[in-house]
Amino acid sequence: MEDKNEVLATSDSMEMYEARKRIVLEMTGKFKPERFVYLITAILSFGLTIYIALDLYKQDKIEIDQLALFIGPTGFLAYAVSRILFMWSKSMKIIFTGKV
């Protein structure tokens, strides 16, 4: 026979899980435009990096000024990805620990 306390604890934990899930959905919804900006920035940075690499390959040479062009897109890409991962990490922390 199932203990009444176990049923109540399971019910409470499900309610808490649903509340945390709602919080994460609200939070990710509020930051949706920001996530799209980071995603677009990452895609553009990656595309520019590939373009530069192909250009260097076609020319069969690497110069200092061309090599320096890798720094900008790579930095934007790293920043955009880090922000997306930060948001994801914070969401998971809220779901599993309940701490904001």
N, C-alpha and C. Protein backbone atom coordinates (compact mmCIF):
# COMPACT_ATOMS: atom_id res chain seq x y z
N MET A 1 0.84 -1.18 0.00
CA MET A 1 0.00 0.00 0.00
C MET A 1 0.89 1.24 0.00
N GLU A 2 0.53 2.24 -0.81
CA GLU A 2 1.34 3.43 -0.98
C GLU A 2 1.14 4.39 0.20
N ASP A 3 2.24 4.93 0.64
CA ASP A 3 2.21 5.86 1.77
C ASP A 3 1.65 7.20 1.30
N LYS A 4 0.78 7.81 2.12
CA LYS A 4 0.15 9.08 1.77
C LYS A 4 1.20 10.19 1.64
N ASN A 5 2.24 10.16 2.45
CA ASN A 5 3.31 11.16 2.38
C ASN A 5 4.06 11.08 1.05
N GLU A 6 4.27 9.86 0.54
CA GLU A 6 4.97 9.71 -0.73
C GLU A 6 4.15 10.31 -1.87
N VAL A 7 2.85 10.11 -1.84
CA VAL A 7 1.97 10.67 -2.87
C VAL A 7 2.01 12.19 -2.81
N LEU A 8 1.95 12.76 -1.61
CA LEU A 8 2.00 14.21 -1.46
C LEU A 8 3.35 14.77 -1.91
N ALA A 9 4.43 14.08 -1.57
CA ALA A 9 5.77 14.53 -1.97
C ALA A 9 5.91 14.50 -3.48
N THR A 10 5.40 13.46 -4.12
CA THR A 10 5.46 13.37 -5.57
C THR A 10 4.64 14.48 -6.21
N SER A 11 3.48 14.75 -5.66
CA SER A 11 2.61 15.81 -6.16
C SER A 11 3.29 17.17 -6.03
N ASP A 12 3.90 17.42 -4.85
CA ASP A 12 4.61 18.69 -4.63
C ASP A 12 5.78 18.84 -5.58
N SER A 13 6.53 17.76 -5.79
CA SER A 13 7.69 17.87 -6.67
C SER A 13 7.26 18.10 -8.11
N MET A 14 6.14 17.51 -8.54
CA MET A 14 5.64 17.74 -9.90
C MET A 14 5.18 19.18 -10.06
N GLU A 15 4.50 19.72 -9.03
CA GLU A 15 4.07 21.11 -9.09
C GLU A 15 5.28 22.04 -9.15
N MET A 16 6.31 21.73 -8.36
CA MET A 16 7.51 22.54 -8.37
C MET A 16 8.20 22.47 -9.74
N TYR A 17 8.26 21.27 -10.30
CA TYR A 17 8.86 21.10 -11.62
C TYR A 17 8.10 21.91 -12.66
N GLU A 18 6.77 21.86 -12.62
CA GLU A 18 5.95 22.62 -13.58
C GLU A 18 6.15 24.12 -13.40
N ALA A 19 6.26 24.58 -12.16
CA ALA A 19 6.51 26.00 -11.90
C ALA A 19 7.86 26.42 -12.46
N ARG A 20 8.88 25.59 -12.25
CA ARG A 20 10.21 25.90 -12.78
C ARG A 20 10.19 25.90 -14.31
N LYS A 21 9.47 24.96 -14.88
CA LYS A 21 9.36 24.89 -16.33
C LYS A 21 8.72 26.16 -16.88
N ARG A 22 7.65 26.64 -16.20
CA ARG A 22 6.99 27.88 -16.61
C ARG A 22 7.95 29.06 -16.55
N ILE A 23 8.75 29.12 -15.49
CA ILE A 23 9.71 30.21 -15.33
C ILE A 23 10.72 30.20 -16.48
N VAL A 24 11.23 29.02 -16.80
CA VAL A 24 12.22 28.92 -17.89
C VAL A 24 11.58 29.31 -19.22
N LEU A 25 10.36 28.87 -19.47
CA LEU A 25 9.69 29.23 -20.73
C LEU A 25 9.46 30.73 -20.82
N GLU A 26 9.09 31.36 -19.70
CA GLU A 26 8.92 32.81 -19.69
C GLU A 26 10.24 33.52 -19.94
N MET A 27 11.29 33.05 -19.27
CA MET A 27 12.60 33.67 -19.40
C MET A 27 13.13 33.53 -20.83
N THR A 28 13.04 32.34 -21.39
CA THR A 28 13.53 32.15 -22.75
C THR A 28 12.67 32.92 -23.74
N GLY A 29 11.38 33.08 -23.45
CA GLY A 29 10.51 33.87 -24.32
C GLY A 29 10.90 35.34 -24.31
N LYS A 30 11.27 35.85 -23.14
CA LYS A 30 11.67 37.26 -23.04
C LYS A 30 12.97 37.54 -23.77
N PHE A 31 13.86 36.54 -23.80
CA PHE A 31 15.16 36.73 -24.43
C PHE A 31 15.20 36.19 -25.86
N LYS A 32 14.05 35.88 -26.43
CA LYS A 32 14.02 35.31 -27.78
C LYS A 32 14.66 36.24 -28.82
N PRO A 33 14.33 37.54 -28.85
CA PRO A 33 15.00 38.41 -29.83
C PRO A 33 16.52 38.45 -29.64
N GLU A 34 16.94 38.46 -28.39
CA GLU A 34 18.38 38.49 -28.11
C GLU A 34 19.05 37.21 -28.61
N ARG A 35 18.39 36.07 -28.43
CA ARG A 35 18.94 34.81 -28.91
C ARG A 35 19.07 34.81 -30.43
N PHE A 36 18.07 35.39 -31.12
CA PHE A 36 18.16 35.47 -32.57
C PHE A 36 19.30 36.37 -33.02
N VAL A 37 19.52 37.47 -32.32
CA VAL A 37 20.65 38.35 -32.65
C VAL A 37 21.96 37.60 -32.50
N TYR A 38 22.11 36.86 -31.40
CA TYR A 38 23.33 36.09 -31.19
C TYR A 38 23.49 35.00 -32.25
N LEU A 39 22.39 34.36 -32.61
CA LEU A 39 22.45 33.31 -33.62
C LEU A 39 22.83 33.88 -34.98
N ILE A 40 22.23 34.99 -35.36
CA ILE A 40 22.57 35.63 -36.63
C ILE A 40 24.02 36.09 -36.63
N THR A 41 24.46 36.66 -35.51
CA THR A 41 25.86 37.09 -35.39
C THR A 41 26.80 35.91 -35.55
N ALA A 42 26.47 34.80 -34.94
CA ALA A 42 27.32 33.60 -35.03
C ALA A 42 27.37 33.09 -36.46
N ILE A 43 26.22 33.06 -37.14
CA ILE A 43 26.19 32.58 -38.52
C ILE A 43 26.98 33.50 -39.44
N LEU A 44 26.79 34.81 -39.29
CA LEU A 44 27.53 35.76 -40.12
C LEU A 44 29.04 35.68 -39.85
N SER A 45 29.40 35.56 -38.60
CA SER A 45 30.82 35.46 -38.25
C SER A 45 31.43 34.20 -38.83
N PHE A 46 30.71 33.10 -38.73
CA PHE A 46 31.22 31.85 -39.29
C PHE A 46 31.36 31.96 -40.81
N GLY A 47 30.35 32.53 -41.46
CA GLY A 47 30.41 32.71 -42.92
C GLY A 47 31.59 33.58 -43.34
N LEU A 48 31.81 34.67 -42.61
CA LEU A 48 32.93 35.55 -42.93
C LEU A 48 34.27 34.85 -42.71
N THR A 49 34.35 34.05 -41.68
CA THR A 49 35.57 33.29 -41.42
C THR A 49 35.84 32.31 -42.56
N ILE A 50 34.82 31.61 -43.01
CA ILE A 50 34.98 30.68 -44.13
C ILE A 50 35.37 31.42 -45.39
N TYR A 51 34.74 32.57 -45.65
CA TYR A 51 35.08 33.36 -46.83
C TYR A 51 36.55 33.78 -46.81
N ILE A 52 37.01 34.26 -45.68
CA ILE A 52 38.40 34.68 -45.57
C ILE A 52 39.35 33.51 -45.78
N ALA A 53 39.01 32.38 -45.19
CA ALA A 53 39.85 31.20 -45.36
C ALA A 53 39.93 30.79 -46.83
N LEU A 54 38.78 30.80 -47.53
CA LEU A 54 38.78 30.45 -48.95
C LEU A 54 39.57 31.46 -49.78
N ASP A 55 39.43 32.73 -49.42
CA ASP A 55 40.18 33.77 -50.13
C ASP A 55 41.68 33.57 -49.96
N LEU A 56 42.10 33.26 -48.76
CA LEU A 56 43.52 33.00 -48.53
C LEU A 56 43.98 31.76 -49.29
N TYR A 57 43.14 30.77 -49.37
CA TYR A 57 43.49 29.55 -50.09
C TYR A 57 43.63 29.84 -51.60
N LYS A 58 42.71 30.62 -52.14
CA LYS A 58 42.77 30.97 -53.56
C LYS A 58 44.04 31.74 -53.89
N GLN A 59 44.41 32.67 -53.04
CA GLN A 59 45.58 33.51 -53.29
C GLN A 59 46.88 32.78 -53.03
N ASP A 60 46.79 31.69 -52.32
CA ASP A 60 47.97 30.90 -51.98
C ASP A 60 49.00 31.69 -51.18
N LYS A 61 48.53 32.59 -50.37
CA LYS A 61 49.43 33.37 -49.52
C LYS A 61 48.68 33.83 -48.27
N ILE A 62 49.42 34.11 -47.25
CA ILE A 62 48.85 34.65 -46.02
C ILE A 62 49.67 35.88 -45.65
N GLU A 63 48.98 37.00 -45.53
CA GLU A 63 49.63 38.24 -45.12
C GLU A 63 49.11 38.61 -43.73
N ILE A 64 49.84 39.48 -43.07
CA ILE A 64 49.48 39.87 -41.70
C ILE A 64 48.08 40.51 -41.66
N ASP A 65 47.78 41.40 -42.61
CA ASP A 65 46.47 42.06 -42.57
C ASP A 65 45.33 41.08 -42.86
N GLN A 66 45.54 40.11 -43.69
CA GLN A 66 44.51 39.10 -43.93
C GLN A 66 44.35 38.19 -42.71
N LEU A 67 45.44 37.86 -42.11
CA LEU A 67 45.39 37.01 -40.92
C LEU A 67 44.67 37.73 -39.77
N ALA A 68 44.86 39.03 -39.69
CA ALA A 68 44.20 39.82 -38.64
C ALA A 68 42.68 39.83 -38.83
N LEU A 69 42.21 39.62 -40.05
CA LEU A 69 40.78 39.61 -40.30
C LEU A 69 40.08 38.42 -39.63
N PHE A 70 40.83 37.39 -39.29
CA PHE A 70 40.23 36.25 -38.60
C PHE A 70 39.84 36.60 -37.17
N ILE A 71 40.50 37.58 -36.59
CA ILE A 71 40.27 37.91 -35.18
C ILE A 71 38.86 38.45 -34.95
N GLY A 72 38.40 39.36 -35.80
CA GLY A 72 37.07 39.97 -35.62
C GLY A 72 35.94 38.95 -35.66
N PRO A 73 35.78 38.23 -36.77
CA PRO A 73 34.68 37.28 -36.84
C PRO A 73 34.77 36.17 -35.79
N THR A 74 35.97 35.73 -35.50
CA THR A 74 36.14 34.67 -34.51
C THR A 74 35.74 35.18 -33.13
N GLY A 75 36.08 36.41 -32.82
CA GLY A 75 35.70 37.00 -31.53
C GLY A 75 34.20 37.15 -31.40
N PHE A 76 33.55 37.64 -32.46
CA PHE A 76 32.09 37.76 -32.43
C PHE A 76 31.43 36.40 -32.28
N LEU A 77 31.96 35.42 -32.97
CA LEU A 77 31.41 34.07 -32.88
C LEU A 77 31.56 33.52 -31.46
N ALA A 78 32.73 33.69 -30.89
CA ALA A 78 32.96 33.19 -29.53
C ALA A 78 32.04 33.90 -28.53
N TYR A 79 31.85 35.20 -28.68
CA TYR A 79 30.98 35.95 -27.78
C TYR A 79 29.53 35.49 -27.91
N ALA A 80 29.06 35.36 -29.14
CA ALA A 80 27.67 34.96 -29.37
C ALA A 80 27.40 33.57 -28.79
N VAL A 81 28.30 32.65 -29.04
CA VAL A 81 28.12 31.30 -28.51
C VAL A 81 28.18 31.30 -26.99
N SER A 82 29.07 32.09 -26.41
CA SER A 82 29.16 32.13 -24.94
C SER A 82 27.87 32.66 -24.32
N ARG A 83 27.24 33.64 -24.95
CA ARG A 83 26.00 34.19 -24.41
C ARG A 83 24.86 33.19 -24.52
N ILE A 84 24.80 32.45 -25.63
CA ILE A 84 23.77 31.43 -25.79
C ILE A 84 23.96 30.34 -24.73
N LEU A 85 25.19 29.92 -24.53
CA LEU A 85 25.46 28.89 -23.53
C LEU A 85 25.18 29.39 -22.12
N PHE A 86 25.44 30.67 -21.85
CA PHE A 86 25.15 31.24 -20.54
C PHE A 86 23.64 31.20 -20.26
N MET A 87 22.83 31.59 -21.26
CA MET A 87 21.39 31.57 -21.10
C MET A 87 20.90 30.14 -20.88
N TRP A 88 21.43 29.20 -21.64
CA TRP A 88 21.04 27.81 -21.49
C TRP A 88 21.42 27.28 -20.10
N SER A 89 22.63 27.62 -19.66
CA SER A 89 23.09 27.18 -18.36
C SER A 89 22.21 27.73 -17.25
N LYS A 90 21.84 28.99 -17.35
CA LYS A 90 20.98 29.60 -16.34
C LYS A 90 19.61 28.94 -16.33
N SER A 91 19.09 28.62 -17.50
CA SER A 91 17.79 27.94 -17.58
C SER A 91 17.84 26.58 -16.91
N MET A 92 18.88 25.84 -17.18
CA MET A 92 19.01 24.51 -16.57
C MET A 92 19.18 24.60 -15.06
N LYS A 93 19.87 25.63 -14.60
CA LYS A 93 20.05 25.83 -13.15
C LYS A 93 18.69 26.08 -12.49
N ILE A 94 17.85 26.87 -13.14
CA ILE A 94 16.53 27.15 -12.58
C ILE A 94 15.69 25.88 -12.53
N ILE A 95 15.73 25.10 -13.60
CA ILE A 95 14.93 23.88 -13.64
C ILE A 95 15.35 22.90 -12.56
N PHE A 96 16.65 22.67 -12.42
CA PHE A 96 17.10 21.59 -11.55
C PHE A 96 17.33 22.01 -10.10
N THR A 97 17.60 23.29 -9.86
CA THR A 97 17.83 23.70 -8.47
C THR A 97 16.75 24.62 -7.93
N GLY A 98 16.04 25.29 -8.82
CA GLY A 98 15.01 26.23 -8.39
C GLY A 98 15.57 27.57 -7.98
N LYS A 99 16.87 27.75 -8.11
CA LYS A 99 17.51 29.03 -7.75
C LYS A 99 17.65 29.89 -9.01
N VAL A 100 17.30 31.16 -8.87
CA VAL A 100 17.39 32.07 -10.02
C VAL A 100 18.72 32.77 -10.06
